[in-house]
Amino acid sequence: QVQLVESGGGMVQTGGSLRLSCVASGRTFTTYSMGWFRQAPGKEREFVARVHWSSDTPSYSDSVRGRFTIFRDEAKNTVHLQMNSLKPEDTAVYYCAARMLGAPGTPADDYWGQGTQVTVSS
């Protein structure tokens, strides 16, 4: 029902910046939130940032707060993650995620992008 396509990943030096983008298509009329998770090799997938769609309220993990900024373009069904002051510890596959509300009395559905690699060299 929903497709998420990420872009903007790549390689950057420590202290550099990168901007990730995620475009949602399909049935997006009931978006509850969109955000980003990341997964480094051998580690669990972890929450990075999220924006509540209707209120445009962002949330961040402690590890990225102050360095990353999430913002949305509602008209384009797009969410961006501006990553500044990047560290080697930020190296991971970054996944766009969306939570879509279901009908009343039904659970929400989560959707995931394919992932985009971010590598921060020391």
C-alpha atoms as a PDB file:
ATOM      1  CA  GLN A   1       0.000   0.000   0.000  1.00  0.00           C
ATOM      2  CA  VAL A   2       2.898   2.331   0.773  1.00  0.00           C
ATOM      3  CA  GLN A   3       6.319   2.451  -0.808  1.00  0.00           C
ATOM      4  CA  LEU A   4       9.264   4.287   0.700  1.00  0.00           C
ATOM      5  CA  VAL A   5      12.296   5.267  -1.363  1.00  0.00           C
ATOM      6  CA  GLU A   6      15.390   6.629   0.334  1.00  0.00           C
ATOM      7  CA  SER A   7      18.191   8.666  -1.142  1.00  0.00           C
ATOM      8  CA  GLY A   8      21.172  10.683   0.001  1.00  0.00           C
ATOM      9  CA  GLY A   9      23.345   8.051   1.599  1.00  0.00           C
ATOM     10  CA  GLY A  10      27.040   7.943   0.982  1.00  0.00           C
ATOM     11  CA  MET A  11      30.441   8.387   2.521  1.00  0.00           C
ATOM     12  CA  VAL A  12      31.565  11.425   4.462  1.00  0.00           C
ATOM     13  CA  GLN A  13      34.441  12.426   6.692  1.00  0.00           C
ATOM     14  CA  THR A  14      34.112  12.779  10.440  1.00  0.00           C
ATOM     15  CA  GLY A  15      32.505  16.114  11.209  1.00  0.00           C
ATOM     16  CA  GLY A  16      30.835  16.323   7.835  1.00  0.00           C
ATOM     17  CA  SER A  17      27.194  16.497   6.904  1.00  0.00           C
ATOM     18  CA  LEU A  18      24.765  14.451   4.892  1.00  0.00           C
ATOM     19  CA  ARG A  19      21.090  14.758   4.106  1.00  0.00           C
ATOM     20  CA  LEU A  20      18.857  11.747   3.684  1.00  0.00           C
ATOM     21  CA  SER A  21      15.491  11.920   1.972  1.00  0.00           C
ATOM     22  CA  CYS A  22      12.575   9.533   1.879  1.00  0.00           C
ATOM     23  CA  VAL A  23       9.623   9.789  -0.469  1.00  0.00           C
ATOM     24  CA  ALA A  24       6.426   7.940   0.348  1.00  0.00           C
ATOM     25  CA  SER A  25       4.022   6.896  -2.366  1.00  0.00           C
ATOM     26  CA  GLY A  26       0.834   4.928  -2.467  1.00  0.00           C
ATOM     27  CA  ARG A  27      -1.820   5.203   0.212  1.00  0.00           C
ATOM     28  CA  THR A  28      -0.451   8.026   2.337  1.00  0.00           C
ATOM     29  CA  PHE A  29      -3.650   9.713   3.443  1.00  0.00           C
ATOM     30  CA  THR A  30      -3.481   8.293   6.955  1.00  0.00           C
ATOM     31  CA  THR A  31       0.144   8.935   7.837  1.00  0.00           C
ATOM     32  CA  TYR A  32       0.722   8.965  11.576  1.00  0.00           C
ATOM     33  CA  SER A  33       4.479   9.410  11.596  1.00  0.00           C
ATOM     34  CA  MET A  34       7.572   9.044   9.476  1.00  0.00           C
ATOM     35  CA  GLY A  35      11.085   8.640  10.650  1.00  0.00           C
ATOM     36  CA  TRP A  36      14.437   6.964  10.512  1.00  0.00           C
ATOM     37  CA  PHE A  37      16.035   3.932  12.074  1.00  0.00           C
ATOM     38  CA  ARG A  38      19.547   2.664  11.605  1.00  0.00           C
ATOM     39  CA  GLN A  39      21.340  -0.631  11.939  1.00  0.00           C
ATOM     40  CA  ALA A  40      25.068  -1.177  12.203  1.00  0.00           C
ATOM     41  CA  PRO A  41      26.604  -4.595  11.498  1.00  0.00           C
ATOM     42  CA  GLY A  42      26.050  -6.980  14.380  1.00  0.00           C
ATOM     43  CA  LYS A  43      23.747  -4.589  16.211  1.00  0.00           C
ATOM     44  CA  GLU A  44      20.035  -4.198  16.646  1.00  0.00           C
ATOM     45  CA  ARG A  45      18.095  -1.713  14.620  1.00  0.00           C
ATOM     46  CA  GLU A  46      17.709   1.468  16.634  1.00  0.00           C
ATOM     47  CA  PHE A  47      15.470   4.471  16.528  1.00  0.00           C
ATOM     48  CA  VAL A  48      17.044   7.677  15.242  1.00  0.00           C
ATOM     49  CA  ALA A  49      14.373  10.304  14.660  1.00  0.00           C
ATOM     50  CA  ARG A  50      10.673  10.600  14.004  1.00  0.00           C
ATOM     51  CA  VAL A  51       8.219  13.321  13.097  1.00  0.00           C
ATOM     52  CA  HIS A  52       4.569  13.169  14.010  1.00  0.00           C
ATOM     53  CA  TRP A  53       2.836  13.999  10.767  1.00  0.00           C
ATOM     54  CA  SER A  54      -0.167  16.035  11.786  1.00  0.00           C
ATOM     55  CA  SER A  55       1.512  18.117  14.478  1.00  0.00           C
ATOM     56  CA  ASP A  56       4.954  18.245  12.818  1.00  0.00           C
ATOM     57  CA  THR A  57       6.508  17.346  16.150  1.00  0.00           C
ATOM     58  CA  PRO A  58       9.982  15.789  15.985  1.00  0.00           C
ATOM     59  CA  SER A  59      11.552  13.257  18.312  1.00  0.00           C
ATOM     60  CA  TYR A  60      15.184  12.173  18.515  1.00  0.00           C
ATOM     61  CA  SER A  61      17.275   9.524  20.110  1.00  0.00           C
ATOM     62  CA  ASP A  62      19.737  10.757  22.696  1.00  0.00           C
ATOM     63  CA  SER A  63      22.681   9.812  20.508  1.00  0.00           C
ATOM     64  CA  VAL A  64      21.718  12.183  17.689  1.00  0.00           C
ATOM     65  CA  ARG A  65      19.870  14.975  19.452  1.00  0.00           C
ATOM     66  CA  GLY A  66      21.539  18.293  18.689  1.00  0.00           C
ATOM     67  CA  ARG A  67      23.296  16.948  15.612  1.00  0.00           C
ATOM     68  CA  PHE A  68      20.469  15.607  13.448  1.00  0.00           C
ATOM     69  CA  THR A  69      17.320  17.379  12.339  1.00  0.00           C
ATOM     70  CA  ILE A  70      14.253  15.703  10.905  1.00  0.00           C
ATOM     71  CA  PHE A  71      11.770  17.685   8.892  1.00  0.00           C
ATOM     72  CA  ARG A  72       8.934  16.915   6.547  1.00  0.00           C
ATOM     73  CA  ASP A  73       7.522  18.236   3.307  1.00  0.00           C
ATOM     74  CA  GLU A  74       3.870  17.370   3.687  1.00  0.00           C
ATOM     75  CA  ALA A  75       2.886  18.287   0.135  1.00  0.00           C
ATOM     76  CA  LYS A  76       5.552  15.992  -1.302  1.00  0.00           C
ATOM     77  CA  ASN A  77       5.066  13.168   1.210  1.00  0.00           C
ATOM     78  CA  THR A  78       8.735  13.443   1.974  1.00  0.00           C
ATOM     79  CA  VAL A  79      10.791  13.333   5.131  1.00  0.00           C
ATOM     80  CA  HIS A  80      14.400  14.471   5.390  1.00  0.00           C
ATOM     81  CA  LEU A  81      17.127  13.803   7.892  1.00  0.00           C
ATOM     82  CA  GLN A  82      19.825  16.448   8.043  1.00  0.00           C
ATOM     83  CA  MET A  83      22.863  14.901   9.704  1.00  0.00           C
ATOM     84  CA  ASN A  84      25.574  17.234  10.929  1.00  0.00           C
ATOM     85  CA  SER A  85      28.742  16.678  12.942  1.00  0.00           C
ATOM     86  CA  LEU A  86      28.814  13.086  11.817  1.00  0.00           C
ATOM     87  CA  LYS A  87      30.826  10.552  13.776  1.00  0.00           C
ATOM     88  CA  PRO A  88      32.113   7.098  12.867  1.00  0.00           C
ATOM     89  CA  GLU A  89      29.543   5.725  15.303  1.00  0.00           C
ATOM     90  CA  ASP A  90      26.846   6.995  12.940  1.00  0.00           C
ATOM     91  CA  THR A  91      27.945   4.500  10.294  1.00  0.00           C
ATOM     92  CA  ALA A  92      24.992   2.240   9.570  1.00  0.00           C
ATOM     93  CA  VAL A  93      22.292   1.374   7.114  1.00  0.00           C
ATOM     94  CA  TYR A  94      19.576   3.968   7.565  1.00  0.00           C
ATOM     95  CA  TYR A  95      15.990   2.899   7.035  1.00  0.00           C
ATOM     96  CA  CYS A  96      13.066   5.164   6.402  1.00  0.00           C
ATOM     97  CA  ALA A  97       9.925   4.099   8.232  1.00  0.00           C
ATOM     98  CA  ALA A  98       6.311   5.149   8.125  1.00  0.00           C
ATOM     99  CA  ARG A  99       3.401   4.344  10.373  1.00  0.00           C
ATOM    100  CA  MET A 100       0.010   4.500   8.729  1.00  0.00           C
ATOM    101  CA  LEU A 101      -3.168   4.544  10.758  1.00  0.00           C
ATOM    102  CA  GLY A 102      -5.677   1.829  10.061  1.00  0.00           C
ATOM    103  CA  ALA A 103      -9.423   2.037  10.208  1.00  0.00           C
ATOM    104  CA  PRO A 104     -11.008   2.564  13.618  1.00  0.00           C
ATOM    105  CA  GLY A 105     -10.598  -0.571  15.671  1.00  0.00           C
ATOM    106  CA  THR A 106      -7.688  -1.875  13.599  1.00  0.00           C
ATOM    107  CA  PRO A 107      -3.962  -1.603  14.301  1.00  0.00           C
ATOM    108  CA  ALA A 108      -1.603   0.696  12.488  1.00  0.00           C
ATOM    109  CA  ASP A 109       0.667  -0.618   9.748  1.00  0.00           C
ATOM    110  CA  ASP A 110       4.395   0.013   9.573  1.00  0.00           C
ATOM    111  CA  TYR A 111       6.315   0.313   6.324  1.00  0.00           C
ATOM    112  CA  TRP A 112      10.034   0.290   5.665  1.00  0.00           C
ATOM    113  CA  GLY A 113      12.308   1.502   2.942  1.00  0.00           C
ATOM    114  CA  GLN A 114      15.094  -0.568   1.481  1.00  0.00           C
ATOM    115  CA  GLY A 115      17.811   1.191   3.446  1.00  0.00           C
ATOM    116  CA  THR A 116      20.640   3.469   2.433  1.00  0.00           C
ATOM    117  CA  GLN A 117      24.235   3.154   3.572  1.00  0.00           C
ATOM    118  CA  VAL A 118      25.861   5.960   5.521  1.00  0.00           C
ATOM    119  CA  THR A 119      29.576   5.619   6.146  1.00  0.00           C
ATOM    120  CA  VAL A 120      31.542   8.082   8.253  1.00  0.00           C
ATOM    121  CA  SER A 121      35.286   7.688   8.009  1.00  0.00           C
ATOM    122  CA  SER A 122      37.652   8.585  10.804  1.00  0.00           C
END
